[in-house]
C-alpha atoms as a PDB file:
ATOM      1  CA  MET A   1      -2.095 -11.169  18.680  1.00  0.00           C
ATOM      2  CA  VAL A   2      -1.460 -11.907  15.055  1.00  0.00           C
ATOM      3  CA  THR A   3       1.382 -10.919  12.653  1.00  0.00           C
ATOM      4  CA  ILE A   4       0.987  -8.544   9.884  1.00  0.00           C
ATOM      5  CA  GLY A   5       3.624  -8.326   7.284  1.00  0.00           C
ATOM      6  CA  ALA A   6       5.085  -5.636   4.962  1.00  0.00           C
ATOM      7  CA  VAL A   7       7.078  -5.813   1.751  1.00  0.00           C
ATOM      8  CA  THR A   8       8.582  -2.968  -0.205  1.00  0.00           C
ATOM      9  CA  TRP A   9       9.031  -3.664  -3.899  1.00  0.00           C
ATOM     10  CA  MET A  10      11.931  -1.956  -5.671  1.00  0.00           C
ATOM     11  CA  ALA A  11      12.536  -1.207  -9.322  1.00  0.00           C
ATOM     12  CA  ALA A  12      13.907  -4.001 -11.475  1.00  0.00           C
ATOM     13  CA  GLY A  13      17.719  -4.152 -11.241  1.00  0.00           C
ATOM     14  CA  GLY A  14      17.754  -2.527  -7.742  1.00  0.00           C
ATOM     15  CA  PRO A  15      18.344   1.202  -8.205  1.00  0.00           C
ATOM     16  CA  LEU A  16      15.300   3.404  -7.703  1.00  0.00           C
ATOM     17  CA  LYS A  17      16.684   6.265  -9.770  1.00  0.00           C
ATOM     18  CA  LEU A  18      16.465   4.818 -13.231  1.00  0.00           C
ATOM     19  CA  GLY A  19      18.875   5.924 -15.881  1.00  0.00           C
ATOM     20  CA  ALA A  20      20.158   9.239 -17.025  1.00  0.00           C
ATOM     21  CA  SER A  21      16.943  10.164 -18.880  1.00  0.00           C
ATOM     22  CA  ARG A  22      13.529   8.796 -19.024  1.00  0.00           C
ATOM     23  CA  PRO A  23      13.737   4.971 -19.580  1.00  0.00           C
ATOM     24  CA  ALA A  24      12.095   3.462 -22.598  1.00  0.00           C
ATOM     25  CA  ASP A  25       9.975   1.031 -20.531  1.00  0.00           C
ATOM     26  CA  TRP A  26       8.269   3.827 -18.621  1.00  0.00           C
ATOM     27  CA  PRO A  27       4.741   5.129 -19.494  1.00  0.00           C
ATOM     28  CA  THR A  28       4.064   8.520 -20.989  1.00  0.00           C
ATOM     29  CA  PRO A  29       3.799  11.200 -18.175  1.00  0.00           C
ATOM     30  CA  SER A  30       0.297  11.140 -16.738  1.00  0.00           C
ATOM     31  CA  ARG A  31      -2.432  13.327 -18.390  1.00  0.00           C
ATOM     32  CA  GLU A  32      -4.116  13.336 -15.012  1.00  0.00           C
ATOM     33  CA  GLN A  33      -1.370  15.453 -13.467  1.00  0.00           C
ATOM     34  CA  SER A  34      -2.584  18.485 -11.713  1.00  0.00           C
ATOM     35  CA  ALA A  35      -0.677  21.678 -10.974  1.00  0.00           C
ATOM     36  CA  HIS A  36      -1.733  21.375  -7.345  1.00  0.00           C
ATOM     37  CA  PRO A  37      -2.329  18.484  -4.757  1.00  0.00           C
ATOM     38  CA  LEU A  38      -5.727  16.957  -5.262  1.00  0.00           C
ATOM     39  CA  GLY A  39      -6.531  17.040  -1.571  1.00  0.00           C
ATOM     40  CA  VAL A  40      -5.295  17.814   1.841  1.00  0.00           C
ATOM     41  CA  PRO A  41      -4.860  15.520   4.889  1.00  0.00           C
ATOM     42  CA  ALA A  42      -7.560  15.720   7.489  1.00  0.00           C
ATOM     43  CA  PRO A  43      -6.686  17.961  10.445  1.00  0.00           C
ATOM     44  CA  LEU A  44      -4.864  16.184  13.253  1.00  0.00           C
ATOM     45  CA  VAL A  45      -6.629  15.987  16.588  1.00  0.00           C
ATOM     46  CA  ALA A  46      -3.297  15.042  18.268  1.00  0.00           C
ATOM     47  CA  VAL A  47       0.216  14.993  16.931  1.00  0.00           C
ATOM     48  CA  SER A  48       2.575  12.059  17.747  1.00  0.00           C
ATOM     49  CA  GLY A  49       6.051  10.989  16.830  1.00  0.00           C
ATOM     50  CA  ALA A  50       5.078   7.320  16.968  1.00  0.00           C
ATOM     51  CA  TYR A  51       5.486   6.704  13.175  1.00  0.00           C
ATOM     52  CA  LYS A  52       8.226   5.554  10.750  1.00  0.00           C
ATOM     53  CA  PHE A  53       8.513   5.778   7.072  1.00  0.00           C
ATOM     54  CA  VAL A  54       9.415   2.850   4.741  1.00  0.00           C
ATOM     55  CA  ALA A  55      11.782   4.862   2.589  1.00  0.00           C
ATOM     56  CA  LEU A  56      13.398   8.302   2.672  1.00  0.00           C
ATOM     57  CA  GLN A  57      14.592  10.699  -0.065  1.00  0.00           C
ATOM     58  CA  ASP A  58      18.341  11.426  -0.419  1.00  0.00           C
ATOM     59  CA  ASP A  59      18.018  14.038   2.244  1.00  0.00           C
ATOM     60  CA  GLY A  60      17.495  11.358   4.853  1.00  0.00           C
ATOM     61  CA  THR A  61      14.288  12.857   6.365  1.00  0.00           C
ATOM     62  CA  THR A  62      11.673  13.485   3.676  1.00  0.00           C
ATOM     63  CA  PRO A  63       9.573  10.340   2.983  1.00  0.00           C
ATOM     64  CA  VAL A  64       9.137   8.735  -0.404  1.00  0.00           C
ATOM     65  CA  ALA A  65       5.548   9.133  -1.137  1.00  0.00           C
ATOM     66  CA  PHE A  66       2.926   9.019  -3.941  1.00  0.00           C
ATOM     67  CA  ASP A  67       2.583  12.108  -6.047  1.00  0.00           C
ATOM     68  CA  PRO A  68      -0.308  14.146  -4.470  1.00  0.00           C
ATOM     69  CA  CYS A  69      -1.020  15.835  -7.771  1.00  0.00           C
ATOM     70  CA  ARG A  70      -2.291  12.700  -9.544  1.00  0.00           C
ATOM     71  CA  PRO A  71      -4.831  10.072  -8.488  1.00  0.00           C
ATOM     72  CA  ILE A  72      -3.682   6.616  -7.308  1.00  0.00           C
ATOM     73  CA  HIS A  73      -5.591   4.066  -9.404  1.00  0.00           C
ATOM     74  CA  TYR A  74      -6.273   0.613  -7.888  1.00  0.00           C
ATOM     75  CA  VAL A  75      -7.809  -2.701  -8.965  1.00  0.00           C
ATOM     76  CA  LEU A  76      -9.201  -5.674  -7.074  1.00  0.00           C
ATOM     77  CA  ARG A  77      -8.852  -9.372  -7.774  1.00  0.00           C
ATOM     78  CA  ALA A  78     -12.036 -10.921  -6.390  1.00  0.00           C
ATOM     79  CA  GLN A  79     -10.706 -14.459  -6.322  1.00  0.00           C
ATOM     80  CA  GLY A  80     -10.822 -15.691  -2.652  1.00  0.00           C
ATOM     81  CA  GLU A  81     -12.592 -12.504  -1.479  1.00  0.00           C
ATOM     82  CA  VAL A  82     -13.952 -12.749   2.053  1.00  0.00           C
ATOM     83  CA  ALA A  83     -17.622 -12.011   2.728  1.00  0.00           C
ATOM     84  CA  GLY A  84     -18.180  -8.272   2.376  1.00  0.00           C
ATOM     85  CA  GLY A  85     -14.460  -7.844   1.492  1.00  0.00           C
ATOM     86  CA  ARG A  86     -14.891  -5.504  -1.492  1.00  0.00           C
ATOM     87  CA  GLN A  87     -16.776  -2.892   0.642  1.00  0.00           C
ATOM     88  CA  MET A  88     -14.237  -3.266   3.397  1.00  0.00           C
ATOM     89  CA  VAL A  89     -11.483  -2.497   1.019  1.00  0.00           C
ATOM     90  CA  LYS A  90     -13.181   0.541  -0.392  1.00  0.00           C
ATOM     91  CA  ASP A  91     -13.981   1.808   3.155  1.00  0.00           C
ATOM     92  CA  ALA A  92     -10.345   1.280   4.108  1.00  0.00           C
ATOM     93  CA  VAL A  93      -9.088   3.089   0.993  1.00  0.00           C
ATOM     94  CA  LEU A  94     -11.430   6.060   1.809  1.00  0.00           C
ATOM     95  CA  ARG A  95     -10.036   6.151   5.322  1.00  0.00           C
ATOM     96  CA  VAL A  96      -6.405   6.391   4.116  1.00  0.00           C
ATOM     97  CA  SER A  97      -7.465   8.983   1.534  1.00  0.00           C
ATOM     98  CA  GLN A  98      -8.924  11.173   4.154  1.00  0.00           C
ATOM     99  CA  ALA A  99      -5.892  10.756   6.352  1.00  0.00           C
ATOM    100  CA  THR A 100      -3.383  11.604   3.577  1.00  0.00           C
ATOM    101  CA  GLY A 101      -5.406  13.857   1.228  1.00  0.00           C
ATOM    102  CA  LEU A 102      -4.324  11.437  -1.605  1.00  0.00           C
ATOM    103  CA  ARG A 103      -7.048  10.651  -4.150  1.00  0.00           C
ATOM    104  CA  PHE A 104      -7.725   7.007  -5.076  1.00  0.00           C
ATOM    105  CA  VAL A 105      -9.616   5.840  -8.043  1.00  0.00           C
ATOM    106  CA  TYR A 106     -11.184   2.466  -8.283  1.00  0.00           C
ATOM    107  CA  ASP A 107     -10.763   0.818 -11.699  1.00  0.00           C
ATOM    108  CA  GLY A 108     -12.704  -2.311 -11.156  1.00  0.00           C
ATOM    109  CA  LEU A 109     -11.817  -6.005 -11.023  1.00  0.00           C
ATOM    110  CA  THR A 110      -8.793  -7.617 -12.610  1.00  0.00           C
ATOM    111  CA  SER A 111      -7.744 -11.141 -13.433  1.00  0.00           C
ATOM    112  CA  GLU A 112      -4.106 -10.320 -12.679  1.00  0.00           C
ATOM    113  CA  GLY A 113      -2.629 -12.334  -9.818  1.00  0.00           C
ATOM    114  CA  PRO A 114      -0.128 -11.197  -7.192  1.00  0.00           C
ATOM    115  CA  SER A 115       3.588 -11.565  -8.013  1.00  0.00           C
ATOM    116  CA  ARG A 116       6.753 -10.313  -6.257  1.00  0.00           C
ATOM    117  CA  GLN A 117       8.120  -9.659  -9.758  1.00  0.00           C
ATOM    118  CA  ARG A 118       5.020  -7.712 -10.834  1.00  0.00           C
ATOM    119  CA  PRO A 119       5.891  -5.236 -13.645  1.00  0.00           C
ATOM    120  CA  SER A 120       5.268  -1.629 -12.839  1.00  0.00           C
ATOM    121  CA  TYR A 121       4.268  -0.886 -16.457  1.00  0.00           C
ATOM    122  CA  GLN A 122       1.846  -3.335 -18.222  1.00  0.00           C
ATOM    123  CA  PRO A 123       0.548  -1.500 -21.295  1.00  0.00           C
ATOM    124  CA  LYS A 124      -1.213  -4.512 -22.836  1.00  0.00           C
ATOM    125  CA  ARG A 125      -3.279  -4.992 -19.580  1.00  0.00           C
ATOM    126  CA  TYR A 126      -3.664  -1.417 -18.345  1.00  0.00           C
ATOM    127  CA  GLY A 127      -2.639   0.922 -21.179  1.00  0.00           C
ATOM    128  CA  ASP A 128       0.009   3.616 -21.310  1.00  0.00           C
ATOM    129  CA  ARG A 129       0.267   4.340 -17.553  1.00  0.00           C
ATOM    130  CA  TRP A 130       1.914   2.998 -14.509  1.00  0.00           C
ATOM    131  CA  ALA A 131       0.105  -0.222 -13.520  1.00  0.00           C
ATOM    132  CA  PRO A 132      -2.561   0.474 -10.930  1.00  0.00           C
ATOM    133  CA  VAL A 133      -2.128  -0.790  -7.389  1.00  0.00           C
ATOM    134  CA  LEU A 134      -3.175  -4.335  -7.226  1.00  0.00           C
ATOM    135  CA  ILE A 135      -5.216  -5.533  -4.107  1.00  0.00           C
ATOM    136  CA  SER A 136      -5.587  -9.302  -4.036  1.00  0.00           C
ATOM    137  CA  TRP A 137      -7.121 -11.982  -1.729  1.00  0.00           C
ATOM    138  CA  VAL A 138      -4.371 -14.585  -1.628  1.00  0.00           C
ATOM    139  CA  THR A 139      -5.420 -18.189  -1.646  1.00  0.00           C
ATOM    140  CA  PRO A 140      -3.477 -21.433  -1.356  1.00  0.00           C
ATOM    141  CA  ALA A 141      -3.376 -21.658  -5.056  1.00  0.00           C
ATOM    142  CA  ASP A 142      -1.147 -18.525  -5.309  1.00  0.00           C
ATOM    143  CA  GLU A 143       2.506 -18.712  -5.468  1.00  0.00           C
ATOM    144  CA  ILE A 144       3.122 -16.259  -2.756  1.00  0.00           C
ATOM    145  CA  ALA A 145       4.810 -17.267   0.560  1.00  0.00           C
ATOM    146  CA  PHE A 146       3.405 -15.105   3.464  1.00  0.00           C
ATOM    147  CA  ALA A 147       5.490 -16.661   6.309  1.00  0.00           C
ATOM    148  CA  ALA A 148       9.125 -15.664   6.880  1.00  0.00           C
ATOM    149  CA  THR A 149      10.028 -19.470   6.559  1.00  0.00           C
ATOM    150  CA  GLY A 150       8.711 -19.609   3.100  1.00  0.00           C
ATOM    151  CA  ALA A 151       7.033 -22.909   3.945  1.00  0.00           C
ATOM    152  CA  LYS A 152       3.781 -23.727   2.221  1.00  0.00           C
ATOM    153  CA  ASP A 153       2.106 -25.999   4.664  1.00  0.00           C
ATOM    154  CA  ASP A 154      -0.889 -24.759   6.721  1.00  0.00           C
ATOM    155  CA  ALA A 155       1.038 -24.429   9.953  1.00  0.00           C
ATOM    156  CA  LYS A 156       3.622 -22.023   8.592  1.00  0.00           C
ATOM    157  CA  TYR A 157       2.503 -20.675   5.165  1.00  0.00           C
ATOM    158  CA  TYR A 158      -0.594 -18.886   6.468  1.00  0.00           C
ATOM    159  CA  MET A 159       0.680 -17.193   9.576  1.00  0.00           C
ATOM    160  CA  VAL A 160       0.797 -13.549   8.244  1.00  0.00           C
ATOM    161  CA  LEU A 161      -2.648 -11.906   7.580  1.00  0.00           C
ATOM    162  CA  GLY A 162      -1.385  -9.537   4.765  1.00  0.00           C
ATOM    163  CA  GLU A 163       1.361  -7.754   3.084  1.00  0.00           C
ATOM    164  CA  GLY A 164       1.652  -4.431   1.453  1.00  0.00           C
ATOM    165  CA  GLY A 165       4.326  -2.531  -0.430  1.00  0.00           C
ATOM    166  CA  SER A 166       5.114  -0.301  -3.349  1.00  0.00           C
ATOM    167  CA  LEU A 167       7.551   0.568  -6.110  1.00  0.00           C
ATOM    168  CA  SER A 168       9.101   4.057  -6.455  1.00  0.00           C
ATOM    169  CA  ALA A 169      11.013   5.703  -9.268  1.00  0.00           C
ATOM    170  CA  GLY A 170      12.694   8.912  -9.864  1.00  0.00           C
ATOM    171  CA  LEU A 171      14.483  10.902 -12.622  1.00  0.00           C
ATOM    172  CA  PRO A 172      18.034  12.320 -11.965  1.00  0.00           C
ATOM    173  CA  ASN A 173      18.125  15.355  -9.711  1.00  0.00           C
ATOM    174  CA  GLN A 174      14.392  14.884  -8.735  1.00  0.00           C
ATOM    175  CA  SER A 175      12.709  13.451  -5.753  1.00  0.00           C
ATOM    176  CA  ARG A 176      11.449   9.805  -6.051  1.00  0.00           C
ATOM    177  CA  ALA A 177       7.770   9.047  -5.905  1.00  0.00           C
ATOM    178  CA  LYS A 178       5.865   5.830  -5.469  1.00  0.00           C
ATOM    179  CA  VAL A 179       4.238   4.855  -8.777  1.00  0.00           C
ATOM    180  CA  THR A 180       2.354   1.548  -8.083  1.00  0.00           C
ATOM    181  CA  GLY A 181       2.210  -1.231  -5.471  1.00  0.00           C
ATOM    182  CA  MET A 182       0.447  -4.315  -4.131  1.00  0.00           C
ATOM    183  CA  VAL A 183      -1.665  -5.301  -1.067  1.00  0.00           C
ATOM    184  CA  MET A 184      -2.059  -9.020  -0.490  1.00  0.00           C
ATOM    185  CA  LEU A 185      -4.658 -10.244   1.939  1.00  0.00           C
ATOM    186  CA  ASN A 186      -4.628 -13.796   3.449  1.00  0.00           C
ATOM    187  CA  ALA A 187      -8.099 -15.032   2.393  1.00  0.00           C
ATOM    188  CA  ARG A 188      -8.135 -18.073   4.552  1.00  0.00           C
ATOM    189  CA  GLN A 189      -6.947 -16.425   7.886  1.00  0.00           C
ATOM    190  CA  LEU A 190      -9.220 -13.348   7.334  1.00  0.00           C
ATOM    191  CA  THR A 191     -12.249 -15.616   6.619  1.00  0.00           C
ATOM    192  CA  ASN A 192     -11.486 -17.191   9.966  1.00  0.00           C
ATOM    193  CA  ALA A 193     -11.107 -13.740  11.503  1.00  0.00           C
ATOM    194  CA  LEU A 194     -14.651 -12.760  10.410  1.00  0.00           C
ATOM    195  CA  LYS A 195     -16.043 -15.483  12.545  1.00  0.00           C
ATOM    196  CA  ARG A 196     -14.651 -13.866  15.710  1.00  0.00           C
ATOM    197  CA  PRO A 197     -16.436 -11.153  17.645  1.00  0.00           C
ATOM    198  CA  ARG A 198     -16.099  -7.750  15.785  1.00  0.00           C
ATOM    199  CA  GLY A 199     -14.504  -9.816  12.982  1.00  0.00           C
ATOM    200  CA  ASP A 200     -15.389  -7.228  10.296  1.00  0.00           C
ATOM    201  CA  LYS A 201     -13.427  -4.596  12.276  1.00  0.00           C
ATOM    202  CA  ILE A 202     -10.414  -6.900  12.591  1.00  0.00           C
ATOM    203  CA  VAL A 203     -10.400  -7.482   8.685  1.00  0.00           C
ATOM    204  CA  ARG A 204     -10.767  -3.825   8.073  1.00  0.00           C
ATOM    205  CA  ALA A 205      -7.874  -3.144  10.367  1.00  0.00           C
ATOM    206  CA  VAL A 206      -5.682  -5.484   8.460  1.00  0.00           C
ATOM    207  CA  VAL A 207      -6.561  -3.724   5.241  1.00  0.00           C
ATOM    208  CA  LEU A 208      -5.898  -0.324   6.677  1.00  0.00           C
ATOM    209  CA  HIS A 209      -2.418  -1.563   8.014  1.00  0.00           C
ATOM    210  CA  GLU A 210      -1.455  -2.835   4.549  1.00  0.00           C
ATOM    211  CA  LEU A 211      -2.666   0.237   2.747  1.00  0.00           C
ATOM    212  CA  ALA A 212      -0.652   2.335   5.155  1.00  0.00           C
ATOM    213  CA  HIS A 213       2.343   0.295   4.119  1.00  0.00           C
ATOM    214  CA  LEU A 214       1.497   0.934   0.566  1.00  0.00           C
ATOM    215  CA  VAL A 215       1.553   4.675   0.899  1.00  0.00           C
ATOM    216  CA  GLY A 216       4.761   4.635   2.992  1.00  0.00           C
ATOM    217  CA  LEU A 217       4.312   3.927   6.745  1.00  0.00           C
ATOM    218  CA  ASN A 218       6.529   1.280   8.302  1.00  0.00           C
ATOM    219  CA  HIS A 219       6.041  -0.727  11.588  1.00  0.00           C
ATOM    220  CA  VAL A 220       6.368   0.888  15.037  1.00  0.00           C
ATOM    221  CA  SER A 221       6.636  -0.465  18.501  1.00  0.00           C
ATOM    222  CA  SER A 222       3.772   1.628  19.890  1.00  0.00           C
ATOM    223  CA  TYR A 223       0.840  -0.681  20.859  1.00  0.00           C
ATOM    224  CA  SER A 224      -1.636   2.189  20.609  1.00  0.00           C
ATOM    225  CA  ASN A 225      -0.986   2.541  16.880  1.00  0.00           C
ATOM    226  CA  LEU A 226      -2.201   0.312  14.042  1.00  0.00           C
ATOM    227  CA  MET A 227       1.207   0.107  12.532  1.00  0.00           C
ATOM    228  CA  ASN A 228       2.463  -2.052  15.432  1.00  0.00           C
ATOM    229  CA  THR A 229       3.666  -5.366  14.000  1.00  0.00           C
ATOM    230  CA  GLU A 230       1.374  -7.294  16.204  1.00  0.00           C
ATOM    231  CA  MET A 231      -2.354  -6.579  16.014  1.00  0.00           C
ATOM    232  CA  GLU A 232      -3.458  -5.588  19.528  1.00  0.00           C
ATOM    233  CA  PRO A 233      -6.982  -6.343  20.734  1.00  0.00           C
ATOM    234  CA  GLY A 234      -9.159  -3.317  20.400  1.00  0.00           C
ATOM    235  CA  VAL A 235      -6.841  -1.365  18.112  1.00  0.00           C
ATOM    236  CA  THR A 236      -8.810  -1.427  14.907  1.00  0.00           C
ATOM    237  CA  ASP A 237      -8.175   2.107  13.627  1.00  0.00           C
ATOM    238  CA  PHE A 238      -5.243   4.452  13.174  1.00  0.00           C
ATOM    239  CA  GLY A 239      -3.710   6.056  16.192  1.00  0.00           C
ATOM    240  CA  ALA A 240      -2.185   9.487  16.590  1.00  0.00           C
ATOM    241  CA  GLY A 241       1.157   8.350  15.397  1.00  0.00           C
ATOM    242  CA  ASP A 242      -0.210   6.614  12.294  1.00  0.00           C
ATOM    243  CA  LEU A 243      -2.310   9.633  11.432  1.00  0.00           C
ATOM    244  CA  THR A 244       0.653  12.026  11.864  1.00  0.00           C
ATOM    245  CA  GLY A 245       2.748   9.927   9.571  1.00  0.00           C
ATOM    246  CA  LEU A 246       0.008   9.487   7.041  1.00  0.00           C
ATOM    247  CA  ALA A 247      -0.567  13.308   6.947  1.00  0.00           C
ATOM    248  CA  ALA A 248       3.122  13.703   6.034  1.00  0.00           C
ATOM    249  CA  LEU A 249       2.955  11.196   3.226  1.00  0.00           C
ATOM    250  CA  GLY A 250       0.071  13.138   1.765  1.00  0.00           C
ATOM    251  CA  LYS A 251       2.398  16.164   1.278  1.00  0.00           C
ATOM    252  CA  GLY A 252       4.772  14.685  -1.176  1.00  0.00           C
ATOM    253  CA  THR A 253       6.340  16.508  -4.188  1.00  0.00           C
ATOM    254  CA  CYS A 254       4.374  16.935  -7.400  1.00  0.00           C
ATOM    255  CA  LEU A 255       6.455  15.246 -10.204  1.00  0.00           C
ATOM    256  CA  PRO A 256       4.755  15.786 -13.606  1.00  0.00           C
ATOM    257  CA  ASP A 257       7.642  14.123 -15.517  1.00  0.00           C
ATOM    258  CA  LEU A 258       7.074  10.688 -13.898  1.00  0.00           C
END
């Protein structure tokens, strides 16, 4: 079994509801906003309560999710990419899109590196919009500590296969929504994983796990679900609990003012 990590990024300064009116450092509301959700979650073969959400709205039950009425743009940093990694990421994104009904749009490659202080709005790099989700293959040269210890030696620094998280924002008296996020994939450990039997399925499972964190699923203790903290042998796709939670995350509120 191997450990998979999750991180949730919050808005600078801590609070997720930012200010009494639209902050000056927010982008213009998206021109891609639709009046209706862009897709619907795939029908569930089985319903399960074995799922948890990363964050909830003020009502304590509704999950914080991406706006289903606008696409989620994402970019890839190719540095350190494992063999076949780009296609594995695209396949995993498609799987999450089908499970949630959320629409993802690939914006190509980027030179931006991962950072836990990553700004959610980068107009010079990405234009007048929320920064796209950044998916990176993390290498020893990156200043990102995967392990809980924070140590950077081989024995401790590269224990975790990946991390995924998001940043959410909301206007007063409105629901919050996720606006961007990051997925970081441990290039060295996943390269080693590819050498194992069914290694491509293991790497794809890690990407699926982190993308599920990105859209709002948290860890569970159920060993039959991919969102278990420890990767179980043979569990390389979403289980019934994962899919039930992902379907709920695809039914967020449309927020044209964000």
